């Protein structure tokens, strides 16, 4: 995975923006009847979770 340098403030902003969308994506995944779209949304959600988690700054 390519490296990305962000400040703690930038990481926090990404976390604040992405986290609410992940919850809405879970609802969208549950509500869709299209298996291909559901699969696409699941993959996209997993990518967003990995990015968000990789930017999480450990609390010291």
N, C-alpha and C. Protein backbone atom coordinates (compact mmCIF):
# COMPACT_ATOMS: atom_id res chain seq x y z
N UNK A 1 0.85 -1.18 0.00
CA UNK A 1 0.00 0.00 0.00
C UNK A 1 0.89 1.23 0.00
N UNK A 2 0.53 2.20 -0.78
CA UNK A 2 1.30 3.44 -0.85
C UNK A 2 1.16 4.21 0.45
N UNK A 3 2.24 4.88 0.82
CA UNK A 3 2.21 5.67 2.04
C UNK A 3 1.52 7.00 1.82
N UNK A 4 0.91 7.50 2.87
CA UNK A 4 0.23 8.78 2.84
C UNK A 4 0.57 9.49 4.12
N UNK A 5 1.12 10.66 4.00
CA UNK A 5 1.45 11.44 5.19
C UNK A 5 0.36 12.46 5.44
N UNK A 6 -0.18 12.41 6.63
CA UNK A 6 -1.20 13.37 7.02
C UNK A 6 -0.92 13.83 8.44
N UNK A 7 -1.38 15.01 8.73
CA UNK A 7 -1.24 15.53 10.09
C UNK A 7 -2.32 14.87 10.96
N UNK A 8 -2.16 14.93 12.27
CA UNK A 8 -3.21 14.39 13.14
C UNK A 8 -4.57 15.04 12.88
N UNK A 9 -4.56 16.33 12.60
CA UNK A 9 -5.81 17.03 12.31
C UNK A 9 -6.44 16.52 11.01
N UNK A 10 -5.63 16.26 10.00
CA UNK A 10 -6.15 15.72 8.74
C UNK A 10 -6.72 14.32 8.94
N UNK A 11 -6.01 13.50 9.70
CA UNK A 11 -6.49 12.15 9.98
C UNK A 11 -7.82 12.20 10.72
N UNK A 12 -7.94 13.09 11.68
CA UNK A 12 -9.18 13.23 12.44
C UNK A 12 -10.32 13.68 11.52
N UNK A 13 -10.03 14.59 10.61
CA UNK A 13 -11.05 15.07 9.67
C UNK A 13 -11.53 13.95 8.78
N UNK A 14 -10.61 13.15 8.24
CA UNK A 14 -11.00 12.02 7.40
C UNK A 14 -11.87 11.06 8.20
N UNK A 15 -11.47 10.79 9.42
CA UNK A 15 -12.23 9.88 10.29
C UNK A 15 -13.64 10.43 10.50
N UNK A 16 -13.76 11.72 10.79
CA UNK A 16 -15.06 12.33 11.05
C UNK A 16 -15.96 12.33 9.81
N UNK A 17 -15.36 12.45 8.64
CA UNK A 17 -16.15 12.48 7.40
C UNK A 17 -16.55 11.06 6.97
N UNK A 18 -15.63 10.12 7.08
CA UNK A 18 -15.87 8.77 6.57
C UNK A 18 -16.78 7.95 7.49
N UNK A 19 -16.59 8.04 8.78
CA UNK A 19 -17.33 7.18 9.72
C UNK A 19 -18.85 7.25 9.55
N UNK A 20 -19.46 8.42 9.47
CA UNK A 20 -20.92 8.45 9.29
C UNK A 20 -21.37 7.80 7.97
N UNK A 21 -20.56 7.94 6.94
CA UNK A 21 -20.91 7.34 5.65
C UNK A 21 -20.88 5.82 5.73
N UNK A 22 -20.00 5.27 6.54
CA UNK A 22 -19.92 3.82 6.68
C UNK A 22 -21.22 3.26 7.24
N UNK A 23 -21.81 3.96 8.20
CA UNK A 23 -23.09 3.52 8.75
C UNK A 23 -24.19 3.57 7.71
N UNK A 24 -24.21 4.62 6.92
CA UNK A 24 -25.22 4.72 5.87
C UNK A 24 -25.00 3.67 4.79
N UNK A 25 -23.74 3.33 4.54
CA UNK A 25 -23.45 2.30 3.54
C UNK A 25 -23.98 0.95 4.02
N UNK A 26 -23.87 0.68 5.30
CA UNK A 26 -24.39 -0.58 5.83
C UNK A 26 -25.89 -0.69 5.60
N UNK A 27 -26.59 0.42 5.79
CA UNK A 27 -28.03 0.45 5.53
C UNK A 27 -28.31 0.23 4.05
N UNK A 28 -27.56 0.90 3.20
CA UNK A 28 -27.74 0.76 1.75
C UNK A 28 -27.47 -0.69 1.31
N UNK A 29 -26.44 -1.29 1.87
CA UNK A 29 -26.12 -2.69 1.54
C UNK A 29 -27.27 -3.60 1.93
N UNK A 30 -27.81 -3.38 3.11
CA UNK A 30 -28.91 -4.22 3.59
C UNK A 30 -30.18 -4.02 2.76
N UNK A 31 -30.38 -2.82 2.25
CA UNK A 31 -31.61 -2.50 1.53
C UNK A 31 -31.58 -2.83 0.05
N UNK A 32 -30.42 -3.09 -0.53
CA UNK A 32 -30.36 -3.33 -1.97
C UNK A 32 -30.68 -4.78 -2.31
N UNK A 33 -31.37 -4.94 -3.42
CA UNK A 33 -31.72 -6.28 -3.90
C UNK A 33 -30.77 -6.74 -5.01
N UNK A 34 -29.95 -5.84 -5.50
CA UNK A 34 -29.04 -6.16 -6.60
C UNK A 34 -27.75 -6.75 -6.05
N UNK A 35 -27.49 -8.04 -6.29
CA UNK A 35 -26.29 -8.69 -5.72
C UNK A 35 -24.98 -8.06 -6.17
N UNK A 36 -24.90 -7.62 -7.42
CA UNK A 36 -23.66 -7.01 -7.91
C UNK A 36 -23.41 -5.67 -7.22
N UNK A 37 -24.48 -4.89 -7.07
CA UNK A 37 -24.34 -3.60 -6.39
C UNK A 37 -24.00 -3.80 -4.93
N UNK A 38 -24.63 -4.79 -4.29
CA UNK A 38 -24.34 -5.10 -2.89
C UNK A 38 -22.86 -5.46 -2.72
N UNK A 39 -22.35 -6.29 -3.63
CA UNK A 39 -20.95 -6.69 -3.58
C UNK A 39 -20.03 -5.49 -3.75
N UNK A 40 -20.37 -4.63 -4.70
CA UNK A 40 -19.59 -3.41 -4.93
C UNK A 40 -19.57 -2.54 -3.67
N UNK A 41 -20.73 -2.34 -3.06
CA UNK A 41 -20.79 -1.53 -1.84
C UNK A 41 -19.99 -2.14 -0.71
N UNK A 42 -20.02 -3.45 -0.57
CA UNK A 42 -19.24 -4.11 0.49
C UNK A 42 -17.75 -3.91 0.28
N UNK A 43 -17.30 -4.05 -0.97
CA UNK A 43 -15.88 -3.84 -1.27
C UNK A 43 -15.49 -2.40 -0.98
N UNK A 44 -16.31 -1.46 -1.40
CA UNK A 44 -16.04 -0.04 -1.19
C UNK A 44 -15.98 0.27 0.30
N UNK A 45 -16.93 -0.30 1.07
CA UNK A 45 -16.95 -0.08 2.52
C UNK A 45 -15.67 -0.62 3.17
N UNK A 46 -15.23 -1.80 2.75
CA UNK A 46 -14.01 -2.37 3.32
C UNK A 46 -12.79 -1.50 3.01
N UNK A 47 -12.72 -0.94 1.83
CA UNK A 47 -11.62 -0.04 1.48
C UNK A 47 -11.66 1.19 2.36
N UNK A 48 -12.82 1.79 2.52
CA UNK A 48 -12.95 2.98 3.35
C UNK A 48 -12.59 2.69 4.80
N UNK A 49 -12.97 1.53 5.30
CA UNK A 49 -12.63 1.15 6.67
C UNK A 49 -11.11 1.02 6.81
N UNK A 50 -10.46 0.38 5.84
CA UNK A 50 -9.00 0.23 5.91
C UNK A 50 -8.30 1.58 5.88
N UNK A 51 -8.77 2.47 5.01
CA UNK A 51 -8.15 3.80 4.92
C UNK A 51 -8.38 4.56 6.23
N UNK A 52 -9.61 4.56 6.69
CA UNK A 52 -9.91 5.27 7.94
C UNK A 52 -9.07 4.72 9.10
N UNK A 53 -9.01 3.40 9.22
CA UNK A 53 -8.27 2.80 10.32
C UNK A 53 -6.77 3.02 10.21
N UNK A 54 -6.27 3.10 9.00
CA UNK A 54 -4.82 3.34 8.83
C UNK A 54 -4.44 4.77 9.21
N UNK A 55 -5.43 5.66 9.19
CA UNK A 55 -5.16 7.05 9.54
C UNK A 55 -5.44 7.35 11.00
N UNK A 56 -5.94 6.38 11.73
CA UNK A 56 -6.25 6.60 13.14
C UNK A 56 -4.96 6.79 13.92
N UNK A 57 -4.91 7.85 14.64
CA UNK A 57 -3.73 8.18 15.45
C UNK A 57 -3.92 7.57 16.83
N UNK A 58 -2.97 6.71 17.27
CA UNK A 58 -3.11 6.12 18.60
C UNK A 58 -3.09 7.18 19.69
N UNK A 59 -3.95 7.02 20.67
CA UNK A 59 -3.98 7.95 21.80
C UNK A 59 -2.89 7.54 22.78
N UNK A 60 -2.07 8.51 23.16
CA UNK A 60 -0.95 8.24 24.06
C UNK A 60 -1.29 8.65 25.46
